[in-house]
Amino acid sequence: MSKQRFWLALVLHVGLLPLALLWLAPLWLMVVFATHPEEEIFRIPTPLLPGGAFGQNLANLQADTNFLRALLNSVVVSGLYTLGGLLLSAMAGYALAVYQFRFKALVFSFIVATLTIPYFVVVIPQYILVARDLKLTNTFWGVILPFLANALGVFYMRQVFLSLPSSLLDAARVDGAGEVRIFFQIALPLVRPALAALALILFLNAWNDYLWPLLVLSQKEMYTAPVALGTLIGLTRVSWGGIMVGSALMTVPFLLLFLFLQRYFVAGITAGAVKE
């Protein structure tokens, strides 16, 4: 039986290896193109090995866009959004999973229903609210606040908290723990894998967001990294070397976050699958 499993695993890995290489090919080409002059990117045959122009491309990118400042802006925006979104999603999901109140099912149904609304339907009234009424243009809060209440995050955390044993929370209440203490010291530590998985999703959404920061931010020093890279695409010239360098640099923070949270990620994506 073990021999059959070995050959099955070998065939599976051999079959999946070309697909893995096919998926990695664009990432490798991005890194390679970031190290070549622009005139080399489109030559035939296509360069497949790194060159020596990374420093020059980075210098051009920095001169054109102040990209390091934009990268820092993206880190701040994505970090604050991730922390705020995690807290709000966890609190709302916990309330919907643990407490009983009138119209609870209706509230949850309404939250889930918002997932079906296309973003482009709400972007114009959302912009009017943020820009005209709240006057939050060219601020990080104008980028962050409209998306803190994440319906998918609330739904996910509700399912996770439903899997927690209610007897554990009841025992904490019997021991005299308040609701705030139960939430922060008992419930949240038990769902750390789920929080890690949600953190990756929220961070990636904020990190790659282009349309909303483009609408809200008009001052160059406030640009996030995707918006800064977008300015390299002009009517008569596209700075492909700068775009490749910027794209390569943008993968680093998310890669570091994933490496830091990877031990929680697999457990987190299956959290909430079993209910007590």
C-alpha atoms as a PDB file:
ATOM      1  CA  MET A   1       0.000   0.000   0.000  1.00  0.00           C
ATOM      2  CA  SER A   2       2.838   2.384   0.873  1.00  0.00           C
ATOM      3  CA  LYS A   3       4.475   1.637  -2.488  1.00  0.00           C
ATOM      4  CA  GLN A   4       1.273   2.556  -4.292  1.00  0.00           C
ATOM      5  CA  ARG A   5       1.092   5.808  -2.359  1.00  0.00           C
ATOM      6  CA  PHE A   6       4.683   6.574  -3.291  1.00  0.00           C
ATOM      7  CA  TRP A   7       4.051   6.133  -7.011  1.00  0.00           C
ATOM      8  CA  LEU A   8       0.774   8.068  -6.778  1.00  0.00           C
ATOM      9  CA  ALA A   9       2.561  10.943  -5.041  1.00  0.00           C
ATOM     10  CA  LEU A  10       5.373  10.830  -7.606  1.00  0.00           C
ATOM     11  CA  VAL A  11       2.950  10.976 -10.544  1.00  0.00           C
ATOM     12  CA  LEU A  12       1.005  13.772  -8.855  1.00  0.00           C
ATOM     13  CA  HIS A  13       4.122  15.858  -8.253  1.00  0.00           C
ATOM     14  CA  VAL A  14       5.441  15.271 -11.772  1.00  0.00           C
ATOM     15  CA  GLY A  15       2.077  16.319 -13.181  1.00  0.00           C
ATOM     16  CA  LEU A  16       1.812  19.423 -11.016  1.00  0.00           C
ATOM     17  CA  LEU A  17       5.402  20.582 -11.544  1.00  0.00           C
ATOM     18  CA  PRO A  18       4.755  22.093 -15.019  1.00  0.00           C
ATOM     19  CA  LEU A  19       1.701  23.921 -13.657  1.00  0.00           C
ATOM     20  CA  ALA A  20       3.778  25.298 -10.787  1.00  0.00           C
ATOM     21  CA  LEU A  21       6.472  26.480 -13.206  1.00  0.00           C
ATOM     22  CA  LEU A  22       3.818  28.030 -15.429  1.00  0.00           C
ATOM     23  CA  TRP A  23       2.435  29.944 -12.429  1.00  0.00           C
ATOM     24  CA  LEU A  24       5.911  31.072 -11.339  1.00  0.00           C
ATOM     25  CA  ALA A  25       7.002  32.143 -14.833  1.00  0.00           C
ATOM     26  CA  PRO A  26       5.377  35.637 -14.755  1.00  0.00           C
ATOM     27  CA  LEU A  27       6.874  36.305 -11.326  1.00  0.00           C
ATOM     28  CA  TRP A  28      10.314  35.279 -12.503  1.00  0.00           C
ATOM     29  CA  LEU A  29      10.015  37.391 -15.653  1.00  0.00           C
ATOM     30  CA  MET A  30       8.963  40.360 -13.515  1.00  0.00           C
ATOM     31  CA  VAL A  31      12.159  40.025 -11.467  1.00  0.00           C
ATOM     32  CA  VAL A  32      14.278  39.533 -14.598  1.00  0.00           C
ATOM     33  CA  PHE A  33      12.768  42.538 -16.419  1.00  0.00           C
ATOM     34  CA  ALA A  34      13.363  44.673 -13.307  1.00  0.00           C
ATOM     35  CA  THR A  35      17.094  44.113 -13.778  1.00  0.00           C
ATOM     36  CA  HIS A  36      17.292  44.980 -17.502  1.00  0.00           C
ATOM     37  CA  PRO A  37      17.187  48.301 -19.367  1.00  0.00           C
ATOM     38  CA  GLU A  38      13.863  49.051 -21.022  1.00  0.00           C
ATOM     39  CA  GLU A  39      15.194  48.411 -24.521  1.00  0.00           C
ATOM     40  CA  GLU A  40      16.215  44.901 -23.447  1.00  0.00           C
ATOM     41  CA  ILE A  41      12.752  43.908 -22.167  1.00  0.00           C
ATOM     42  CA  PHE A  42      11.194  43.615 -25.632  1.00  0.00           C
ATOM     43  CA  ARG A  43      14.134  42.211 -27.543  1.00  0.00           C
ATOM     44  CA  ILE A  44      14.039  38.787 -29.162  1.00  0.00           C
ATOM     45  CA  PRO A  45      14.890  36.381 -27.656  1.00  0.00           C
ATOM     46  CA  THR A  46      13.367  37.426 -24.344  1.00  0.00           C
ATOM     47  CA  PRO A  47      15.972  37.643 -21.548  1.00  0.00           C
ATOM     48  CA  LEU A  48      15.442  34.884 -18.990  1.00  0.00           C
ATOM     49  CA  LEU A  49      18.314  35.650 -16.610  1.00  0.00           C
ATOM     50  CA  PRO A  50      18.790  38.711 -14.365  1.00  0.00           C
ATOM     51  CA  GLY A  51      20.810  41.640 -15.689  1.00  0.00           C
ATOM     52  CA  GLY A  52      22.615  44.491 -14.005  1.00  0.00           C
ATOM     53  CA  ALA A  53      20.285  47.464 -14.433  1.00  0.00           C
ATOM     54  CA  PHE A  54      18.196  47.085 -11.270  1.00  0.00           C
ATOM     55  CA  GLY A  55      19.869  50.036  -9.559  1.00  0.00           C
ATOM     56  CA  GLN A  56      19.362  52.320 -12.545  1.00  0.00           C
ATOM     57  CA  ASN A  57      15.715  51.302 -12.921  1.00  0.00           C
ATOM     58  CA  LEU A  58      15.153  51.889  -9.207  1.00  0.00           C
ATOM     59  CA  ALA A  59      16.802  55.302  -9.402  1.00  0.00           C
ATOM     60  CA  ASN A  60      14.597  56.254 -12.372  1.00  0.00           C
ATOM     61  CA  LEU A  61      11.508  54.991 -10.548  1.00  0.00           C
ATOM     62  CA  GLN A  62      12.373  56.991  -7.439  1.00  0.00           C
ATOM     63  CA  ALA A  63      13.039  60.132  -9.483  1.00  0.00           C
ATOM     64  CA  ASP A  64       9.756  59.817 -11.375  1.00  0.00           C
ATOM     65  CA  THR A  65       7.405  58.848  -8.531  1.00  0.00           C
ATOM     66  CA  ASN A  66       9.152  59.098  -5.126  1.00  0.00           C
ATOM     67  CA  PHE A  67       8.262  55.426  -4.905  1.00  0.00           C
ATOM     68  CA  LEU A  68       9.827  54.729  -1.508  1.00  0.00           C
ATOM     69  CA  ARG A  69       7.470  57.305   0.029  1.00  0.00           C
ATOM     70  CA  ALA A  70       4.547  55.726  -1.829  1.00  0.00           C
ATOM     71  CA  LEU A  71       5.608  52.293  -0.579  1.00  0.00           C
ATOM     72  CA  LEU A  72       5.664  53.610   2.990  1.00  0.00           C
ATOM     73  CA  ASN A  73       2.204  55.108   2.473  1.00  0.00           C
ATOM     74  CA  SER A  74       0.927  51.719   1.335  1.00  0.00           C
ATOM     75  CA  VAL A  75       2.423  50.032   4.402  1.00  0.00           C
ATOM     76  CA  VAL A  76       0.717  52.549   6.710  1.00  0.00           C
ATOM     77  CA  VAL A  77      -2.651  52.371   4.940  1.00  0.00           C
ATOM     78  CA  SER A  78      -2.654  48.585   4.646  1.00  0.00           C
ATOM     79  CA  GLY A  79      -1.475  48.101   8.212  1.00  0.00           C
ATOM     80  CA  LEU A  80      -4.072  50.421   9.744  1.00  0.00           C
ATOM     81  CA  TYR A  81      -6.816  48.970   7.569  1.00  0.00           C
ATOM     82  CA  THR A  82      -5.855  45.413   8.497  1.00  0.00           C
ATOM     83  CA  LEU A  83      -5.804  46.139  12.238  1.00  0.00           C
ATOM     84  CA  GLY A  84      -9.052  48.088  12.162  1.00  0.00           C
ATOM     85  CA  GLY A  85     -10.787  45.611   9.886  1.00  0.00           C
ATOM     86  CA  LEU A  86      -9.708  42.686  12.067  1.00  0.00           C
ATOM     87  CA  LEU A  87     -11.039  44.335  15.222  1.00  0.00           C
ATOM     88  CA  LEU A  88     -14.383  45.347  13.727  1.00  0.00           C
ATOM     89  CA  SER A  89     -14.902  42.026  11.945  1.00  0.00           C
ATOM     90  CA  ALA A  90     -14.060  40.069  15.093  1.00  0.00           C
ATOM     91  CA  MET A  91     -16.332  42.182  17.295  1.00  0.00           C
ATOM     92  CA  ALA A  92     -19.264  42.026  14.884  1.00  0.00           C
ATOM     93  CA  GLY A  93     -18.778  38.323  14.188  1.00  0.00           C
ATOM     94  CA  TYR A  94     -18.575  37.582  17.912  1.00  0.00           C
ATOM     95  CA  ALA A  95     -21.776  39.502  18.615  1.00  0.00           C
ATOM     96  CA  LEU A  96     -23.660  37.709  15.828  1.00  0.00           C
ATOM     97  CA  ALA A  97     -22.393  34.308  16.954  1.00  0.00           C
ATOM     98  CA  VAL A  98     -22.672  34.538  20.739  1.00  0.00           C
ATOM     99  CA  TYR A  99     -25.397  37.014  21.705  1.00  0.00           C
ATOM    100  CA  GLN A 100     -29.133  36.793  21.179  1.00  0.00           C
ATOM    101  CA  PHE A 101     -31.042  39.942  20.218  1.00  0.00           C
ATOM    102  CA  ARG A 102     -34.041  40.971  18.163  1.00  0.00           C
ATOM    103  CA  PHE A 103     -33.686  40.957  14.383  1.00  0.00           C
ATOM    104  CA  LYS A 104     -30.358  39.143  14.646  1.00  0.00           C
ATOM    105  CA  ALA A 105     -31.089  36.975  11.603  1.00  0.00           C
ATOM    106  CA  LEU A 106     -32.245  40.025   9.655  1.00  0.00           C
ATOM    107  CA  VAL A 107     -29.080  41.962  10.492  1.00  0.00           C
ATOM    108  CA  PHE A 108     -26.891  39.043   9.456  1.00  0.00           C
ATOM    109  CA  SER A 109     -28.866  38.562   6.227  1.00  0.00           C
ATOM    110  CA  PHE A 110     -28.448  42.241   5.409  1.00  0.00           C
ATOM    111  CA  ILE A 111     -24.684  42.042   5.975  1.00  0.00           C
ATOM    112  CA  VAL A 112     -24.383  39.005   3.711  1.00  0.00           C
ATOM    113  CA  ALA A 113     -26.600  40.640   1.089  1.00  0.00           C
ATOM    114  CA  THR A 114     -24.167  43.537   0.769  1.00  0.00           C
ATOM    115  CA  LEU A 115     -21.645  41.075  -0.672  1.00  0.00           C
ATOM    116  CA  THR A 116     -23.803  40.845  -3.805  1.00  0.00           C
ATOM    117  CA  ILE A 117     -23.686  44.605  -4.511  1.00  0.00           C
ATOM    118  CA  PRO A 118     -21.056  45.509  -7.141  1.00  0.00           C
ATOM    119  CA  TYR A 119     -18.506  47.979  -5.840  1.00  0.00           C
ATOM    120  CA  PHE A 120     -18.967  50.289  -8.824  1.00  0.00           C
ATOM    121  CA  VAL A 121     -22.580  50.880  -7.749  1.00  0.00           C
ATOM    122  CA  VAL A 122     -21.502  52.516  -4.477  1.00  0.00           C
ATOM    123  CA  VAL A 123     -18.221  54.163  -5.473  1.00  0.00           C
ATOM    124  CA  ILE A 124     -19.789  57.466  -6.593  1.00  0.00           C
ATOM    125  CA  PRO A 125     -21.993  58.080  -3.515  1.00  0.00           C
ATOM    126  CA  GLN A 126     -19.115  56.865  -1.357  1.00  0.00           C
ATOM    127  CA  TYR A 127     -16.797  59.410  -2.956  1.00  0.00           C
ATOM    128  CA  ILE A 128     -19.338  62.210  -2.453  1.00  0.00           C
ATOM    129  CA  LEU A 129     -19.663  61.266   1.222  1.00  0.00           C
ATOM    130  CA  VAL A 130     -15.908  61.134   1.813  1.00  0.00           C
ATOM    131  CA  ALA A 131     -14.859  64.092  -0.337  1.00  0.00           C
ATOM    132  CA  ARG A 132     -17.705  66.580   0.035  1.00  0.00           C
ATOM    133  CA  ASP A 133     -19.325  65.774   3.387  1.00  0.00           C
ATOM    134  CA  LEU A 134     -16.433  64.440   5.468  1.00  0.00           C
ATOM    135  CA  LYS A 135     -13.684  66.361   3.614  1.00  0.00           C
ATOM    136  CA  LEU A 136     -11.223  63.482   3.917  1.00  0.00           C
ATOM    137  CA  THR A 137      -9.544  63.749   0.524  1.00  0.00           C
ATOM    138  CA  ASN A 138      -5.755  63.480   0.556  1.00  0.00           C
ATOM    139  CA  THR A 139      -5.807  61.782   3.950  1.00  0.00           C
ATOM    140  CA  PHE A 140      -5.119  58.185   4.892  1.00  0.00           C
ATOM    141  CA  TRP A 141      -8.428  58.040   6.772  1.00  0.00           C
ATOM    142  CA  GLY A 142     -10.267  58.830   3.569  1.00  0.00           C
ATOM    143  CA  VAL A 143      -8.720  55.721   2.042  1.00  0.00           C
ATOM    144  CA  ILE A 144      -9.185  53.489   5.093  1.00  0.00           C
ATOM    145  CA  LEU A 145     -12.526  54.329   6.733  1.00  0.00           C
ATOM    146  CA  PRO A 146     -14.973  53.376   3.940  1.00  0.00           C
ATOM    147  CA  PHE A 147     -13.752  49.768   3.949  1.00  0.00           C
ATOM    148  CA  LEU A 148     -13.260  49.059   7.668  1.00  0.00           C
ATOM    149  CA  ALA A 149     -16.668  47.386   7.949  1.00  0.00           C
ATOM    150  CA  ASN A 150     -15.876  44.344   5.812  1.00  0.00           C
ATOM    151  CA  ALA A 151     -18.926  42.135   5.231  1.00  0.00           C
ATOM    152  CA  LEU A 152     -16.843  39.124   4.221  1.00  0.00           C
ATOM    153  CA  GLY A 153     -14.740  39.494   7.365  1.00  0.00           C
ATOM    154  CA  VAL A 154     -17.843  39.688   9.565  1.00  0.00           C
ATOM    155  CA  PHE A 155     -19.336  36.599   7.928  1.00  0.00           C
ATOM    156  CA  TYR A 156     -16.078  34.676   8.265  1.00  0.00           C
ATOM    157  CA  MET A 157     -15.511  35.578  11.912  1.00  0.00           C
ATOM    158  CA  ARG A 158     -19.113  34.726  12.782  1.00  0.00           C
ATOM    159  CA  GLN A 159     -18.613  31.234  11.399  1.00  0.00           C
ATOM    160  CA  VAL A 160     -15.377  30.907  13.348  1.00  0.00           C
ATOM    161  CA  PHE A 161     -16.897  32.007  16.647  1.00  0.00           C
ATOM    162  CA  LEU A 162     -19.819  29.632  16.142  1.00  0.00           C
ATOM    163  CA  SER A 163     -17.325  26.769  16.356  1.00  0.00           C
ATOM    164  CA  LEU A 164     -16.172  27.814  19.836  1.00  0.00           C
ATOM    165  CA  PRO A 165     -17.627  25.762  22.724  1.00  0.00           C
ATOM    166  CA  SER A 166     -20.310  27.865  24.406  1.00  0.00           C
ATOM    167  CA  SER A 167     -19.590  26.041  27.658  1.00  0.00           C
ATOM    168  CA  LEU A 168     -16.135  27.651  27.723  1.00  0.00           C
ATOM    169  CA  LEU A 169     -17.596  31.146  27.570  1.00  0.00           C
ATOM    170  CA  ASP A 170     -20.258  30.269  30.137  1.00  0.00           C
ATOM    171  CA  ALA A 171     -17.571  28.976  32.508  1.00  0.00           C
ATOM    172  CA  ALA A 172     -15.721  32.296  32.198  1.00  0.00           C
ATOM    173  CA  ARG A 173     -18.915  34.182  33.075  1.00  0.00           C
ATOM    174  CA  VAL A 174     -19.465  31.972  36.109  1.00  0.00           C
ATOM    175  CA  ASP A 175     -15.928  32.815  37.242  1.00  0.00           C
ATOM    176  CA  GLY A 176     -16.824  36.482  37.123  1.00  0.00           C
ATOM    177  CA  ALA A 177     -15.194  37.542  33.846  1.00  0.00           C
ATOM    178  CA  GLY A 178     -16.830  40.441  32.062  1.00  0.00           C
ATOM    179  CA  GLU A 179     -17.827  40.348  28.422  1.00  0.00           C
ATOM    180  CA  VAL A 180     -14.937  42.535  27.300  1.00  0.00           C
ATOM    181  CA  ARG A 181     -12.422  40.338  29.114  1.00  0.00           C
ATOM    182  CA  ILE A 182     -13.993  37.179  27.712  1.00  0.00           C
ATOM    183  CA  PHE A 183     -13.747  38.556  24.188  1.00  0.00           C
ATOM    184  CA  PHE A 184     -10.160  39.792  24.354  1.00  0.00           C
ATOM    185  CA  GLN A 185      -8.579  37.218  26.685  1.00  0.00           C
ATOM    186  CA  ILE A 186     -10.500  34.034  25.848  1.00  0.00           C
ATOM    187  CA  ALA A 187     -12.313  34.212  22.517  1.00  0.00           C
ATOM    188  CA  LEU A 188      -9.705  36.059  20.430  1.00  0.00           C
ATOM    189  CA  PRO A 189      -6.705  33.902  21.471  1.00  0.00           C
ATOM    190  CA  LEU A 190      -8.668  30.788  20.524  1.00  0.00           C
ATOM    191  CA  VAL A 191      -9.232  32.025  16.965  1.00  0.00           C
ATOM    192  CA  ARG A 192      -5.719  33.303  16.203  1.00  0.00           C
ATOM    193  CA  PRO A 193      -5.353  31.104  13.084  1.00  0.00           C
ATOM    194  CA  ALA A 194      -8.577  32.543  11.683  1.00  0.00           C
ATOM    195  CA  LEU A 195      -7.436  36.077  12.486  1.00  0.00           C
ATOM    196  CA  ALA A 196      -4.157  35.418  10.669  1.00  0.00           C
ATOM    197  CA  ALA A 197      -5.959  34.175   7.571  1.00  0.00           C
ATOM    198  CA  LEU A 198      -8.301  37.173   7.597  1.00  0.00           C
ATOM    199  CA  ALA A 199      -5.362  39.526   8.150  1.00  0.00           C
ATOM    200  CA  LEU A 200      -3.708  38.251   4.967  1.00  0.00           C
ATOM    201  CA  ILE A 201      -6.910  38.767   2.991  1.00  0.00           C
ATOM    202  CA  LEU A 202      -7.506  42.281   4.327  1.00  0.00           C
ATOM    203  CA  PHE A 203      -3.878  43.322   3.886  1.00  0.00           C
ATOM    204  CA  LEU A 204      -3.797  42.048   0.304  1.00  0.00           C
ATOM    205  CA  ASN A 205      -7.036  43.875  -0.554  1.00  0.00           C
ATOM    206  CA  ALA A 206      -5.697  47.169   0.784  1.00  0.00           C
ATOM    207  CA  TRP A 207      -2.207  46.637  -0.633  1.00  0.00           C
ATOM    208  CA  ASN A 208      -3.445  46.088  -4.195  1.00  0.00           C
ATOM    209  CA  ASP A 209      -6.273  48.639  -4.157  1.00  0.00           C
ATOM    210  CA  TYR A 210      -5.898  51.122  -6.995  1.00  0.00           C
ATOM    211  CA  LEU A 211      -9.244  52.723  -7.845  1.00  0.00           C
ATOM    212  CA  TRP A 212     -10.246  54.199  -4.491  1.00  0.00           C
ATOM    213  CA  PRO A 213      -6.838  55.704  -3.592  1.00  0.00           C
ATOM    214  CA  LEU A 214      -6.700  57.113  -7.116  1.00  0.00           C
ATOM    215  CA  LEU A 215     -10.002  58.916  -6.520  1.00  0.00           C
ATOM    216  CA  VAL A 216      -9.297  60.142  -2.987  1.00  0.00           C
ATOM    217  CA  LEU A 217      -5.600  61.032  -3.236  1.00  0.00           C
ATOM    218  CA  SER A 218      -4.532  63.836  -5.579  1.00  0.00           C
ATOM    219  CA  GLN A 219      -1.325  65.001  -3.873  1.00  0.00           C
ATOM    220  CA  LYS A 220       1.743  63.144  -5.079  1.00  0.00           C
ATOM    221  CA  GLU A 221       3.242  62.764  -1.589  1.00  0.00           C
ATOM    222  CA  MET A 222       0.090  60.924  -0.460  1.00  0.00           C
ATOM    223  CA  TYR A 223       0.047  58.370  -3.291  1.00  0.00           C
ATOM    224  CA  THR A 224       0.046  54.696  -2.444  1.00  0.00           C
ATOM    225  CA  ALA A 225       2.334  52.362  -4.380  1.00  0.00           C
ATOM    226  CA  PRO A 226      -0.245  51.168  -6.980  1.00  0.00           C
ATOM    227  CA  VAL A 227      -1.252  54.762  -7.744  1.00  0.00           C
ATOM    228  CA  ALA A 228       2.394  55.816  -8.035  1.00  0.00           C
ATOM    229  CA  LEU A 229       3.056  52.977 -10.483  1.00  0.00           C
ATOM    230  CA  GLY A 230       0.002  54.024 -12.480  1.00  0.00           C
ATOM    231  CA  THR A 231       1.560  57.415 -13.138  1.00  0.00           C
ATOM    232  CA  LEU A 232       4.324  55.688 -15.130  1.00  0.00           C
ATOM    233  CA  ILE A 233       1.816  54.857 -17.869  1.00  0.00           C
ATOM    234  CA  GLY A 234       1.541  57.944 -20.067  1.00  0.00           C
ATOM    235  CA  LEU A 235       0.046  58.730 -23.440  1.00  0.00           C
ATOM    236  CA  THR A 236       3.342  58.522 -25.299  1.00  0.00           C
ATOM    237  CA  ARG A 237       5.668  56.645 -22.924  1.00  0.00           C
ATOM    238  CA  VAL A 238       5.430  53.723 -20.534  1.00  0.00           C
ATOM    239  CA  SER A 239       8.289  53.182 -18.092  1.00  0.00           C
ATOM    240  CA  TRP A 240       8.321  49.391 -18.148  1.00  0.00           C
ATOM    241  CA  GLY A 241      11.563  49.119 -16.235  1.00  0.00           C
ATOM    242  CA  GLY A 242      10.173  51.252 -13.408  1.00  0.00           C
ATOM    243  CA  ILE A 243       6.910  49.305 -13.382  1.00  0.00           C
ATOM    244  CA  MET A 244       8.754  46.005 -13.097  1.00  0.00           C
ATOM    245  CA  VAL A 245      10.979  47.287 -10.279  1.00  0.00           C
ATOM    246  CA  GLY A 246       7.994  48.731  -8.411  1.00  0.00           C
ATOM    247  CA  SER A 247       5.966  45.555  -8.843  1.00  0.00           C
ATOM    248  CA  ALA A 248       8.855  43.456  -7.569  1.00  0.00           C
ATOM    249  CA  LEU A 249       9.293  45.702  -4.524  1.00  0.00           C
ATOM    250  CA  MET A 250       5.553  45.580  -3.818  1.00  0.00           C
ATOM    251  CA  THR A 251       5.677  41.814  -3.407  1.00  0.00           C
ATOM    252  CA  VAL A 252       8.190  42.017  -0.531  1.00  0.00           C
ATOM    253  CA  PRO A 253       5.971  43.276   2.348  1.00  0.00           C
ATOM    254  CA  PHE A 254       3.161  40.857   1.565  1.00  0.00           C
ATOM    255  CA  LEU A 255       5.640  37.997   1.199  1.00  0.00           C
ATOM    256  CA  LEU A 256       7.136  38.822   4.603  1.00  0.00           C
ATOM    257  CA  LEU A 257       3.666  38.974   6.154  1.00  0.00           C
ATOM    258  CA  PHE A 258       2.757  35.620   4.676  1.00  0.00           C
ATOM    259  CA  LEU A 259       5.984  34.013   5.890  1.00  0.00           C
ATOM    260  CA  PHE A 260       5.309  35.392   9.375  1.00  0.00           C
ATOM    261  CA  LEU A 261       1.709  34.114   9.461  1.00  0.00           C
ATOM    262  CA  GLN A 262       1.995  30.961   7.354  1.00  0.00           C
ATOM    263  CA  ARG A 263       1.848  28.564  10.316  1.00  0.00           C
ATOM    264  CA  TYR A 264      -1.576  29.974  11.155  1.00  0.00           C
ATOM    265  CA  PHE A 265      -2.833  30.258   7.594  1.00  0.00           C
ATOM    266  CA  VAL A 266      -3.731  26.639   6.787  1.00  0.00           C
ATOM    267  CA  ALA A 267      -5.497  26.217  10.116  1.00  0.00           C
ATOM    268  CA  GLY A 268      -7.217  29.552   9.678  1.00  0.00           C
ATOM    269  CA  ILE A 269      -8.767  28.884   6.292  1.00  0.00           C
ATOM    270  CA  THR A 270     -10.497  25.783   7.674  1.00  0.00           C
ATOM    271  CA  ALA A 271     -11.606  27.425  10.923  1.00  0.00           C
ATOM    272  CA  GLY A 272     -15.348  27.449  11.440  1.00  0.00           C
ATOM    273  CA  ALA A 273     -15.882  24.340   9.327  1.00  0.00           C
ATOM    274  CA  VAL A 274     -17.108  22.410  12.373  1.00  0.00           C
ATOM    275  CA  LYS A 275     -19.755  23.755  14.723  1.00  0.00           C
ATOM    276  CA  GLU A 276     -20.207  22.483  18.259  1.00  0.00           C
END
